[in-house]
PDB file of N, CA and C in Angstrom:
ATOM      1  N   MET A   1     171.870 -81.688-166.014  1.00  0.00           N
ATOM      2  CA  MET A   1     170.880 -82.325-166.860  1.00  0.00           C
ATOM      3  C   MET A   1     170.079 -81.218-167.554  1.00  0.00           C
ATOM      4  N   GLN A   2     169.869 -81.366-168.840  1.00  0.00           N
ATOM      5  CA  GLN A   2     169.078 -80.419-169.616  1.00  0.00           C
ATOM      6  C   GLN A   2     167.590 -80.642-169.339  1.00  0.00           C
ATOM      7  N   THR A   3     166.810 -79.572-169.417  1.00  0.00           N
ATOM      8  CA  THR A   3     165.370 -79.742-169.263  1.00  0.00           C
ATOM      9  C   THR A   3     164.807 -80.432-170.502  1.00  0.00           C
ATOM     10  N   SER A   4     163.804 -81.244-170.294  1.00  0.00           N
ATOM     11  CA  SER A   4     163.170 -81.997-171.377  1.00  0.00           C
ATOM     12  C   SER A   4     161.911 -81.291-171.832  1.00  0.00           C
ATOM     13  N   GLU A   5     161.692 -81.286-173.128  1.00  0.00           N
ATOM     14  CA  GLU A   5     160.491 -80.698-173.696  1.00  0.00           C
ATOM     15  C   GLU A   5     159.464 -81.801-173.951  1.00  0.00           C
ATOM     16  N   PRO A   6     158.192 -81.560-173.589  1.00  0.00           N
ATOM     17  CA  PRO A   6     157.166 -82.586-173.833  1.00  0.00           C
ATOM     18  C   PRO A   6     156.767 -82.621-175.306  1.00  0.00           C
ATOM     19  N   ASN A   7     156.352 -83.808-175.766  1.00  0.00           N
ATOM     20  CA  ASN A   7     155.801 -83.907-177.116  1.00  0.00           C
ATOM     21  C   ASN A   7     154.327 -83.505-177.066  1.00  0.00           C
ATOM     22  N   ALA A   8     153.620 -83.681-178.159  1.00  0.00           N
ATOM     23  CA  ALA A   8     152.220 -83.258-178.243  1.00  0.00           C
ATOM     24  C   ALA A   8     151.312 -83.993-177.253  1.00  0.00           C
ATOM     25  N   HIS A   9     151.770 -85.124-176.735  1.00  0.00           N
ATOM     26  CA  HIS A   9     150.973 -85.930-175.817  1.00  0.00           C
ATOM     27  C   HIS A   9     151.402 -85.752-174.359  1.00  0.00           C
ATOM     28  N   GLY A  10     152.327 -84.824-174.108  1.00  0.00           N
ATOM     29  CA  GLY A  10     152.788 -84.578-172.746  1.00  0.00           C
ATOM     30  C   GLY A  10     153.811 -85.576-172.255  1.00  0.00           C
ATOM     31  N   VAL A  11     154.451 -86.308-173.172  1.00  0.00           N
ATOM     32  CA  VAL A  11     155.474 -87.282-172.801  1.00  0.00           C
ATOM     33  C   VAL A  11     156.839 -86.629-172.963  1.00  0.00           C
ATOM     34  N   LEU A  12     157.670 -86.795-171.949  1.00  0.00           N
ATOM     35  CA  LEU A  12     159.001 -86.185-171.934  1.00  0.00           C
ATOM     36  C   LEU A  12     160.079 -87.186-172.341  1.00  0.00           C
ATOM     37  N   GLU A  13     161.083 -86.694-173.043  1.00  0.00           N
ATOM     38  CA  GLU A  13     162.255 -87.510-173.344  1.00  0.00           C
ATOM     39  C   GLU A  13     163.096 -87.609-172.074  1.00  0.00           C
ATOM     40  N   PRO A  14     163.616 -88.791-171.760  1.00  0.00           N
ATOM     41  CA  PRO A  14     164.439 -88.895-170.552  1.00  0.00           C
ATOM     42  C   PRO A  14     165.778 -88.195-170.734  1.00  0.00           C
ATOM     43  N   GLY A  15     166.212 -87.532-169.673  1.00  0.00           N
ATOM     44  CA  GLY A  15     167.540 -86.948-169.653  1.00  0.00           C
ATOM     45  C   GLY A  15     168.523 -87.903-169.015  1.00  0.00           C
ATOM     46  N   PHE A  16     167.991 -88.913-168.331  1.00  0.00           N
ATOM     47  CA  PHE A  16     168.818 -89.881-167.621  1.00  0.00           C
ATOM     48  C   PHE A  16     168.103 -91.232-167.655  1.00  0.00           C
ATOM     49  N   ARG A  17     168.858 -92.279-167.864  1.00  0.00           N
ATOM     50  CA  ARG A  17     168.301 -93.641-167.858  1.00  0.00           C
ATOM     51  C   ARG A  17     169.269 -94.539-167.112  1.00  0.00           C
ATOM     52  N   GLU A  18     168.755 -95.257-166.120  1.00  0.00           N
ATOM     53  CA  GLU A  18     169.583 -96.174-165.340  1.00  0.00           C
ATOM     54  C   GLU A  18     168.966 -97.569-165.362  1.00  0.00           C
ATOM     55  N   VAL A  19     169.752 -98.526-165.792  1.00  0.00           N
ATOM     56  CA  VAL A  19     169.339 -99.926-165.714  1.00  0.00           C
ATOM     57  C   VAL A  19     169.615-100.357-164.278  1.00  0.00           C
ATOM     58  N   VAL A  20     168.550-100.673-163.540  1.00  0.00           N
ATOM     59  CA  VAL A  20     168.688-101.005-162.120  1.00  0.00           C
ATOM     60  C   VAL A  20     168.783-102.509-161.879  1.00  0.00           C
ATOM     61  N   ALA A  21     168.492-103.317-162.905  1.00  0.00           N
ATOM     62  CA  ALA A  21     168.643-104.770-162.805  1.00  0.00           C
ATOM     63  C   ALA A  21     168.720-105.345-164.214  1.00  0.00           C
ATOM     64  N   SER A  22     169.481-106.412-164.352  1.00  0.00           N
ATOM     65  CA  SER A  22     169.559-107.080-165.652  1.00  0.00           C
ATOM     66  C   SER A  22     169.921-108.549-165.464  1.00  0.00           C
ATOM     67  N   ARG A  23     169.503-109.314-166.437  1.00  0.00           N
ATOM     68  CA  ARG A  23     169.857-110.731-166.481  1.00  0.00           C
ATOM     69  C   ARG A  23     169.735-111.149-167.943  1.00  0.00           C
ATOM     70  N   GLY A  24     170.860-111.443-168.573  1.00  0.00           N
ATOM     71  CA  GLY A  24     170.843-111.745-169.995  1.00  0.00           C
ATOM     72  C   GLY A  24     170.326-110.546-170.765  1.00  0.00           C
ATOM     73  N   ARG A  25     169.310-110.762-171.599  1.00  0.00           N
ATOM     74  CA  ARG A  25     168.719-109.657-172.357  1.00  0.00           C
ATOM     75  C   ARG A  25     167.580-108.968-171.607  1.00  0.00           C
ATOM     76  N   ALA A  26     167.199-109.489-170.464  1.00  0.00           N
ATOM     77  CA  ALA A  26     166.136-108.888-169.656  1.00  0.00           C
ATOM     78  C   ALA A  26     166.713-107.738-168.824  1.00  0.00           C
ATOM     79  N   PHE A  27     165.895-106.701-168.621  1.00  0.00           N
ATOM     80  CA  PHE A  27     166.358-105.590-167.793  1.00  0.00           C
ATOM     81  C   PHE A  27     165.190-104.801-167.232  1.00  0.00           C
ATOM     82  N   ALA A  28     165.493-104.048-166.178  1.00  0.00           N
ATOM     83  CA  ALA A  28     164.559-103.099-165.576  1.00  0.00           C
ATOM     84  C   ALA A  28     165.291-101.768-165.496  1.00  0.00           C
ATOM     85  N   ALA A  29     164.599-100.692-165.843  1.00  0.00           N
ATOM     86  CA  ALA A  29     165.245 -99.377-165.870  1.00  0.00           C
ATOM     87  C   ALA A  29     164.321 -98.295-165.337  1.00  0.00           C
ATOM     88  N   VAL A  30     164.959 -97.239-164.834  1.00  0.00           N
ATOM     89  CA  VAL A  30     164.265 -96.025-164.396  1.00  0.00           C
ATOM     90  C   VAL A  30     164.781 -94.895-165.276  1.00  0.00           C
ATOM     91  N   THR A  31     163.859 -94.092-165.812  1.00  0.00           N
ATOM     92  CA  THR A  31     164.228 -92.929-166.603  1.00  0.00           C
ATOM     93  C   THR A  31     163.767 -91.676-165.877  1.00  0.00           C
ATOM     94  N   ILE A  32     164.544 -90.605-166.004  1.00  0.00           N
ATOM     95  CA  ILE A  32     164.234 -89.369-165.291  1.00  0.00           C
ATOM     96  C   ILE A  32     164.402 -88.190-166.241  1.00  0.00           C
ATOM     97  N   ALA A  33     163.514 -87.216-166.088  1.00  0.00           N
ATOM     98  CA  ALA A  33     163.586 -85.983-166.871  1.00  0.00           C
ATOM     99  C   ALA A  33     163.479 -84.790-165.931  1.00  0.00           C
ATOM    100  N   LEU A  34     164.237 -83.755-166.245  1.00  0.00           N
ATOM    101  CA  LEU A  34     164.111 -82.479-165.545  1.00  0.00           C
ATOM    102  C   LEU A  34     163.125 -81.637-166.344  1.00  0.00           C
ATOM    103  N   CYS A  35     162.123 -81.128-165.680  1.00  0.00           N
ATOM    104  CA  CYS A  35     161.055 -80.380-166.360  1.00  0.00           C
ATOM    105  C   CYS A  35     161.276 -78.879-166.244  1.00  0.00           C
ATOM    106  N   ASP A  36     160.580 -78.137-167.090  1.00  0.00           N
ATOM    107  CA  ASP A  36     160.681 -76.677-167.090  1.00  0.00           C
ATOM    108  C   ASP A  36     160.277 -76.062-165.754  1.00  0.00           C
ATOM    109  N   ASP A  37     159.417 -76.738-165.023  1.00  0.00           N
ATOM    110  CA  ASP A  37     158.978 -76.209-163.730  1.00  0.00           C
ATOM    111  C   ASP A  37     159.977 -76.498-162.609  1.00  0.00           C
ATOM    112  N   GLY A  38     161.145 -77.072-162.955  1.00  0.00           N
ATOM    113  CA  GLY A  38     162.213 -77.285-161.986  1.00  0.00           C
ATOM    114  C   GLY A  38     162.118 -78.559-161.185  1.00  0.00           C
ATOM    115  N   VAL A  39     161.164 -79.418-161.496  1.00  0.00           N
ATOM    116  CA  VAL A  39     161.041 -80.683-160.772  1.00  0.00           C
ATOM    117  C   VAL A  39     161.450 -81.842-161.685  1.00  0.00           C
ATOM    118  N   TYR A  40     161.732 -82.959-161.060  1.00  0.00           N
ATOM    119  CA  TYR A  40     162.114 -84.175-161.771  1.00  0.00           C
ATOM    120  C   TYR A  40     160.929 -85.125-161.808  1.00  0.00           C
ATOM    121  N   ARG A  41     160.726 -85.769-162.946  1.00  0.00           N
ATOM    122  CA  ARG A  41     159.682 -86.778-163.090  1.00  0.00           C
ATOM    123  C   ARG A  41     160.329 -88.054-163.613  1.00  0.00           C
ATOM    124  N   PHE A  42     159.678 -89.190-163.347  1.00  0.00           N
ATOM    125  CA  PHE A  42     160.277 -90.468-163.717  1.00  0.00           C
ATOM    126  C   PHE A  42     159.363 -91.304-164.599  1.00  0.00           C
ATOM    127  N   GLY A  43     159.957 -92.272-165.237  1.00  0.00           N
ATOM    128  CA  GLY A  43     159.273 -93.330-165.965  1.00  0.00           C
ATOM    129  C   GLY A  43     159.998 -94.630-165.644  1.00  0.00           C
ATOM    130  N   VAL A  44     159.364 -95.752-165.906  1.00  0.00           N
ATOM    131  CA  VAL A  44     159.997 -97.047-165.635  1.00  0.00           C
ATOM    132  C   VAL A  44     159.744 -97.997-166.796  1.00  0.00           C
ATOM    133  N   GLU A  45     160.585 -99.018-166.902  1.00  0.00           N
ATOM    134  CA  GLU A  45     160.370-100.063-167.902  1.00  0.00           C
ATOM    135  C   GLU A  45     160.946-101.381-167.407  1.00  0.00           C
ATOM    136  N   LEU A  46     160.274-102.456-167.799  1.00  0.00           N
ATOM    137  CA  LEU A  46     160.706-103.813-167.495  1.00  0.00           C
ATOM    138  C   LEU A  46     160.526-104.634-168.765  1.00  0.00           C
ATOM    139  N   HIS A  47     161.586-105.284-169.180  1.00  0.00           N
ATOM    140  CA  HIS A  47     161.544-106.153-170.353  1.00  0.00           C
ATOM    141  C   HIS A  47     162.149-107.497-169.954  1.00  0.00           C
ATOM    142  N   TYR A  48     161.407-108.562-170.231  1.00  0.00           N
ATOM    143  CA  TYR A  48     161.904-109.898-169.914  1.00  0.00           C
ATOM    144  C   TYR A  48     161.474-110.855-171.011  1.00  0.00           C
ATOM    145  N   ALA A  49     161.841-112.107-170.900  1.00  0.00           N
ATOM    146  CA  ALA A  49     161.682-113.080-171.984  1.00  0.00           C
ATOM    147  C   ALA A  49     160.260-113.197-172.523  1.00  0.00           C
ATOM    148  N   HIS A  50     159.265-113.100-171.666  1.00  0.00           N
ATOM    149  CA  HIS A  50     157.883-113.306-172.105  1.00  0.00           C
ATOM    150  C   HIS A  50     157.015-112.066-172.044  1.00  0.00           C
ATOM    151  N   GLY A  51     157.598-110.896-171.833  1.00  0.00           N
ATOM    152  CA  GLY A  51     156.773-109.691-171.775  1.00  0.00           C
ATOM    153  C   GLY A  51     157.487-108.507-171.183  1.00  0.00           C
ATOM    154  N   GLY A  52     156.698-107.651-170.586  1.00  0.00           N
ATOM    155  CA  GLY A  52     157.243-106.464-169.965  1.00  0.00           C
ATOM    156  C   GLY A  52     156.213-105.353-169.913  1.00  0.00           C
ATOM    157  N   PHE A  53     156.628-104.203-169.454  1.00  0.00           N
ATOM    158  CA  PHE A  53     155.776-103.027-169.403  1.00  0.00           C
ATOM    159  C   PHE A  53     156.659-101.799-169.358  1.00  0.00           C
ATOM    160  N   GLY A  54     156.054-100.658-169.580  1.00  0.00           N
ATOM    161  CA  GLY A  54     156.769 -99.396-169.482  1.00  0.00           C
ATOM    162  C   GLY A  54     155.806 -98.268-169.208  1.00  0.00           C
ATOM    163  N   PHE A  55     156.226 -97.326-168.395  1.00  0.00           N
ATOM    164  CA  PHE A  55     155.463 -96.123-168.117  1.00  0.00           C
ATOM    165  C   PHE A  55     156.332 -94.954-168.538  1.00  0.00           C
ATOM    166  N   PRO A  56     155.884 -94.150-169.496  1.00  0.00           N
ATOM    167  CA  PRO A  56     156.701 -93.019-169.939  1.00  0.00           C
ATOM    168  C   PRO A  56     156.737 -91.912-168.892  1.00  0.00           C
ATOM    169  N   ILE A  57     157.656 -90.990-169.076  1.00  0.00           N
ATOM    170  CA  ILE A  57     157.729 -89.814-168.218  1.00  0.00           C
ATOM    171  C   ILE A  57     156.671 -88.841-168.735  1.00  0.00           C
ATOM    172  N   ARG A  58     155.686 -88.545-167.899  1.00  0.00           N
ATOM    173  CA  ARG A  58     154.581 -87.694-168.332  1.00  0.00           C
ATOM    174  C   ARG A  58     154.660 -86.327-167.657  1.00  0.00           C
ATOM    175  N   LEU A  59     154.323 -85.314-168.408  1.00  0.00           N
ATOM    176  CA  LEU A  59     154.343 -83.947-167.896  1.00  0.00           C
ATOM    177  C   LEU A  59     153.360 -83.776-166.742  1.00  0.00           C
ATOM    178  N   ASP A  60     152.265 -84.527-166.759  1.00  0.00           N
ATOM    179  CA  ASP A  60     151.279 -84.409-165.683  1.00  0.00           C
ATOM    180  C   ASP A  60     151.551 -85.358-164.518  1.00  0.00           C
ATOM    181  N   GLY A  61     152.698 -86.058-164.559  1.00  0.00           N
ATOM    182  CA  GLY A  61     153.067 -86.955-163.467  1.00  0.00           C
ATOM    183  C   GLY A  61     153.534 -86.178-162.250  1.00  0.00           C
ATOM    184  N   LEU A  62     153.563 -86.842-161.124  1.00  0.00           N
ATOM    185  CA  LEU A  62     154.013 -86.225-159.881  1.00  0.00           C
ATOM    186  C   LEU A  62     155.469 -85.794-160.027  1.00  0.00           C
ATOM    187  N   GLY A  63     155.782 -84.579-159.588  1.00  0.00           N
ATOM    188  CA  GLY A  63     157.142 -84.062-159.671  1.00  0.00           C
ATOM    189  C   GLY A  63     157.857 -84.171-158.339  1.00  0.00           C
ATOM    190  N   TYR A  64     159.175 -84.269-158.391  1.00  0.00           N
ATOM    191  CA  TYR A  64     160.004 -84.400-157.190  1.00  0.00           C
ATOM    192  C   TYR A  64     161.061 -83.305-157.186  1.00  0.00           C
ATOM    193  N   ALA A  65     161.339 -82.776-156.015  1.00  0.00           N
ATOM    194  CA  ALA A  65     162.253 -81.646-155.892  1.00  0.00           C
ATOM    195  C   ALA A  65     163.696 -82.007-156.240  1.00  0.00           C
ATOM    196  N   THR A  66     164.083 -83.260-155.996  1.00  0.00           N
ATOM    197  CA  THR A  66     165.470 -83.659-156.259  1.00  0.00           C
ATOM    198  C   THR A  66     165.523 -84.865-157.192  1.00  0.00           C
ATOM    199  N   PHE A  67     166.651 -85.000-157.840  1.00  0.00           N
ATOM    200  CA  PHE A  67     166.902 -86.139-158.714  1.00  0.00           C
ATOM    201  C   PHE A  67     166.793 -87.444-157.924  1.00  0.00           C
ATOM    202  N   ASP A  68     167.428 -87.480-156.743  1.00  0.00           N
ATOM    203  CA  ASP A  68     167.422 -88.702-155.929  1.00  0.00           C
ATOM    204  C   ASP A  68     166.020 -89.101-155.493  1.00  0.00           C
ATOM    205  N   ALA A  69     165.176 -88.120-155.184  1.00  0.00           N
ATOM    206  CA  ALA A  69     163.799 -88.423-154.789  1.00  0.00           C
ATOM    207  C   ALA A  69     163.030 -89.028-155.962  1.00  0.00           C
ATOM    208  N   ALA A  70     163.226 -88.488-157.157  1.00  0.00           N
ATOM    209  CA  ALA A  70     162.559 -89.039-158.347  1.00  0.00           C
ATOM    210  C   ALA A  70     163.071 -90.440-158.646  1.00  0.00           C
ATOM    211  N   ARG A  71     164.353 -90.660-158.499  1.00  0.00           N
ATOM    212  CA  ARG A  71     164.948 -91.979-158.742  1.00  0.00           C
ATOM    213  C   ARG A  71     164.390 -93.005-157.755  1.00  0.00           C
ATOM    214  N   SER A  72     164.330 -92.651-156.484  1.00  0.00           N
ATOM    215  CA  SER A  72     163.786 -93.561-155.466  1.00  0.00           C
ATOM    216  C   SER A  72     162.316 -93.862-155.733  1.00  0.00           C
ATOM    217  N   ALA A  73     161.549 -92.834-156.098  1.00  0.00           N
ATOM    218  CA  ALA A  73     160.132 -93.040-156.405  1.00  0.00           C
ATOM    219  C   ALA A  73     159.973 -93.939-157.629  1.00  0.00           C
ATOM    220  N   GLY A  74     160.848 -93.786-158.604  1.00  0.00           N
ATOM    221  CA  GLY A  74     160.811 -94.641-159.790  1.00  0.00           C
ATOM    222  C   GLY A  74     161.076 -96.098-159.449  1.00  0.00           C
ATOM    223  N   ILE A  75     162.053 -96.334-158.602  1.00  0.00           N
ATOM    224  CA  ILE A  75     162.375 -97.706-158.193  1.00  0.00           C
ATOM    225  C   ILE A  75     161.204 -98.306-157.414  1.00  0.00           C
ATOM    226  N   GLU A  76     160.603 -97.529-156.526  1.00  0.00           N
ATOM    227  CA  GLU A  76     159.445 -98.013-155.770  1.00  0.00           C
ATOM    228  C   GLU A  76     158.277 -98.335-156.707  1.00  0.00           C
ATOM    229  N   CYS A  77     158.038 -97.486-157.692  1.00  0.00           N
ATOM    230  CA  CYS A  77     156.972 -97.726-158.679  1.00  0.00           C
ATOM    231  C   CYS A  77     157.249 -99.008-159.459  1.00  0.00           C
ATOM    232  N   LEU A  78     158.486 -99.186-159.837  1.00  0.00           N
ATOM    233  CA  LEU A  78     158.886-100.388-160.574  1.00  0.00           C
ATOM    234  C   LEU A  78     158.591-101.641-159.755  1.00  0.00           C
ATOM    235  N   LEU A  79     158.956-101.631-158.487  1.00  0.00           N
ATOM    236  CA  LEU A  79     158.705-102.798-157.630  1.00  0.00           C
ATOM    237  C   LEU A  79     157.216-103.022-157.381  1.00  0.00           C
ATOM    238  N   ARG A  80     156.442-101.946-157.210  1.00  0.00           N
ATOM    239  CA  ARG A  80     154.990-102.091-157.018  1.00  0.00           C
ATOM    240  C   ARG A  80     154.314-102.667-158.256  1.00  0.00           C
ATOM    241  N   SER A  81     154.861-102.372-159.426  1.00  0.00           N
ATOM    242  CA  SER A  81     154.269-102.808-160.695  1.00  0.00           C
ATOM    243  C   SER A  81     154.854-104.120-161.202  1.00  0.00           C
ATOM    244  N   TRP A  82     155.751-104.708-160.453  1.00  0.00           N
ATOM    245  CA  TRP A  82     156.482-105.898-160.893  1.00  0.00           C
ATOM    246  C   TRP A  82     155.538-107.013-161.321  1.00  0.00           C
ATOM    247  N   HIS A  83     155.870-107.671-162.396  1.00  0.00           N
ATOM    248  CA  HIS A  83     155.032-108.740-162.932  1.00  0.00           C
ATOM    249  C   HIS A  83     155.120-109.991-162.063  1.00  0.00           C
ATOM    250  N   THR A  84     153.979-110.556-161.746  1.00  0.00           N
ATOM    251  CA  THR A  84     153.912-111.855-161.086  1.00  0.00           C
ATOM    252  C   THR A  84     153.760-112.907-162.179  1.00  0.00           C
ATOM    253  N   PRO A  85     154.667-113.873-162.221  1.00  0.00           N
ATOM    254  CA  PRO A  85     154.596-114.865-163.299  1.00  0.00           C
ATOM    255  C   PRO A  85     153.256-115.604-163.325  1.00  0.00           C
ATOM    256  N   PHE A  86     152.831-115.923-164.532  1.00  0.00           N
ATOM    257  CA  PHE A  86     151.627-116.721-164.716  1.00  0.00           C
ATOM    258  C   PHE A  86     151.951-118.184-164.430  1.00  0.00           C
ATOM    259  N   PRO A  87     150.959-118.978-164.043  1.00  0.00           N
ATOM    260  CA  PRO A  87     151.216-120.401-163.807  1.00  0.00           C
ATOM    261  C   PRO A  87     151.818-121.102-165.027  1.00  0.00           C
ATOM    262  N   SER A  88     151.507-120.611-166.215  1.00  0.00           N
ATOM    263  CA  SER A  88     152.018-121.242-167.431  1.00  0.00           C
ATOM    264  C   SER A  88     153.438-120.796-167.800  1.00  0.00           C
ATOM    265  N   ASP A  89     153.978-119.781-167.108  1.00  0.00           N
ATOM    266  CA  ASP A  89     155.344-119.324-167.412  1.00  0.00           C
ATOM    267  C   ASP A  89     156.356-120.389-167.023  1.00  0.00           C
ATOM    268  N   PRO A  90     157.370-120.587-167.854  1.00  0.00           N
ATOM    269  CA  PRO A  90     158.398-121.574-167.526  1.00  0.00           C
ATOM    270  C   PRO A  90     159.259-121.119-166.343  1.00  0.00           C
ATOM    271  N   ASP A  91     159.961-122.069-165.769  1.00  0.00           N
ATOM    272  CA  ASP A  91     160.827-121.775-164.626  1.00  0.00           C
ATOM    273  C   ASP A  91     161.885-120.734-164.976  1.00  0.00           C
ATOM    274  N   SER A  92     162.322-120.700-166.219  1.00  0.00           N
ATOM    275  CA  SER A  92     163.343-119.729-166.613  1.00  0.00           C
ATOM    276  C   SER A  92     162.832-118.293-166.462  1.00  0.00           C
ATOM    277  N   VAL A  93     161.567-118.059-166.768  1.00  0.00           N
ATOM    278  CA  VAL A  93     160.983-116.730-166.612  1.00  0.00           C
ATOM    279  C   VAL A  93     160.857-116.394-165.131  1.00  0.00           C
ATOM    280  N   ARG A  94     160.432-117.357-164.340  1.00  0.00           N
ATOM    281  CA  ARG A  94     160.322-117.137-162.893  1.00  0.00           C
ATOM    282  C   ARG A  94     161.684-116.774-162.302  1.00  0.00           C
ATOM    283  N   ALA A  95     162.725-117.487-162.714  1.00  0.00           N
ATOM    284  CA  ALA A  95     164.074-117.219-162.213  1.00  0.00           C
ATOM    285  C   ALA A  95     164.565-115.850-162.671  1.00  0.00           C
ATOM    286  N   GLU A  96     164.284-115.505-163.924  1.00  0.00           N
ATOM    287  CA  GLU A  96     164.692-114.218-164.477  1.00  0.00           C
ATOM    288  C   GLU A  96     164.078-113.067-163.670  1.00  0.00           C
ATOM    289  N   LEU A  97     162.771-113.119-163.465  1.00  0.00           N
ATOM    290  CA  LEU A  97     162.077-112.064-162.724  1.00  0.00           C
ATOM    291  C   LEU A  97     162.513-112.020-161.261  1.00  0.00           C
ATOM    292  N   SER A  98     162.668-113.169-160.664  1.00  0.00           N
ATOM    293  CA  SER A  98     163.076-113.230-159.264  1.00  0.00           C
ATOM    294  C   SER A  98     164.483-112.658-159.075  1.00  0.00           C
ATOM    295  N   ASP A  99     165.395-113.016-159.968  1.00  0.00           N
ATOM    296  CA  ASP A  99     166.773-112.537-159.876  1.00  0.00           C
ATOM    297  C   ASP A  99     166.830-111.012-160.034  1.00  0.00           C
ATOM    298  N   MET A 100     166.111-110.495-161.002  1.00  0.00           N
ATOM    299  CA  MET A 100     166.146-109.041-161.214  1.00  0.00           C
ATOM    300  C   MET A 100     165.518-108.291-160.042  1.00  0.00           C
ATOM    301  N   ARG A 101     164.411-108.803-159.525  1.00  0.00           N
ATOM    302  CA  ARG A 101     163.789-108.152-158.362  1.00  0.00           C
ATOM    303  C   ARG A 101     164.744-108.171-157.175  1.00  0.00           C
ATOM    304  N   SER A 102     165.433-109.277-156.975  1.00  0.00           N
ATOM    305  CA  SER A 102     166.407-109.370-155.878  1.00  0.00           C
ATOM    306  C   SER A 102     167.534-108.359-156.052  1.00  0.00           C
ATOM    307  N   GLN A 103     167.980-108.156-157.281  1.00  0.00           N
ATOM    308  CA  GLN A 103     169.032-107.159-157.537  1.00  0.00           C
ATOM    309  C   GLN A 103     168.581-105.773-157.080  1.00  0.00           C
ATOM    310  N   ILE A 104     167.351-105.425-157.402  1.00  0.00           N
ATOM    311  CA  ILE A 104     166.832-104.102-157.035  1.00  0.00           C
ATOM    312  C   ILE A 104     166.672-103.998-155.520  1.00  0.00           C
ATOM    313  N   GLU A 105     166.107-105.021-154.907  1.00  0.00           N
ATOM    314  CA  GLU A 105     165.919-104.999-153.452  1.00  0.00           C
ATOM    315  C   GLU A 105     167.256-104.938-152.728  1.00  0.00           C
ATOM    316  N   ASP A 106     168.267-105.649-153.223  1.00  0.00           N
ATOM    317  CA  ASP A 106     169.604-105.595-152.618  1.00  0.00           C
ATOM    318  C   ASP A 106     170.185-104.190-152.707  1.00  0.00           C
ATOM    319  N   ARG A 107     169.964-103.516-153.817  1.00  0.00           N
ATOM    320  CA  ARG A 107     170.453-102.139-153.972  1.00  0.00           C
ATOM    321  C   ARG A 107     169.776-101.207-152.984  1.00  0.00           C
ATOM    322  N   LEU A 108     168.500-101.443-152.722  1.00  0.00           N
ATOM    323  CA  LEU A 108     167.782-100.602-151.758  1.00  0.00           C
ATOM    324  C   LEU A 108     168.291-100.820-150.342  1.00  0.00           C
ATOM    325  N   ARG A 109     168.711-102.032-150.039  1.00  0.00           N
ATOM    326  CA  ARG A 109     169.233-102.346-148.713  1.00  0.00           C
ATOM    327  C   ARG A 109     170.646-101.796-148.512  1.00  0.00           C
ATOM    328  N   GLN A 110     171.379-101.604-149.618  1.00  0.00           N
ATOM    329  CA  GLN A 110     172.757-101.114-149.558  1.00  0.00           C
ATOM    330  C   GLN A 110     172.850 -99.781-150.310  1.00  0.00           C
ATOM    331  N   PRO A 111     172.490 -98.681-149.671  1.00  0.00           N
ATOM    332  CA  PRO A 111     172.432 -97.384-150.363  1.00  0.00           C
ATOM    333  C   PRO A 111     173.738 -96.969-151.016  1.00  0.00           C
ATOM    334  N   SER A 112     174.868 -97.501-150.568  1.00  0.00           N
ATOM    335  CA  SER A 112     176.140 -97.121-151.176  1.00  0.00           C
ATOM    336  C   SER A 112     176.247 -97.587-152.616  1.00  0.00           C
ATOM    337  N   LEU A 113     175.407 -98.542-153.030  1.00  0.00           N
ATOM    338  CA  LEU A 113     175.444 -99.046-154.398  1.00  0.00           C
ATOM    339  C   LEU A 113     174.580 -98.201-155.329  1.00  0.00           C
ATOM    340  N   LEU A 114     173.850 -97.251-154.817  1.00  0.00           N
ATOM    341  CA  LEU A 114     172.963 -96.432-155.649  1.00  0.00           C
ATOM    342  C   LEU A 114     173.722 -95.427-156.449  1.00  0.00           C
TER     343      LEU A 114
END
């Protein structure tokens, strides 16, 4: 993996992007960059029918010694930040979010799928 250069705001371009869950056009992904200081940093994104969020890879973010450690930390961050549906969200959104979260949790339970 090539090292990533930060832009003027300290945001790094990802050198690696993995979609860890998907359903239709909805998806959750972890992005990772190798920094000049030799550590890996991550970002996450979630996009679904009624919204989503994303955290870019920041130069001032916590660094990890290995790619796998950064990837695991990214997945954990994604799950901690997971959107809880609003009462007004339709059942389709609830099912979409639930299915994608289950995909990620199943992958964590079965490390051979990582």
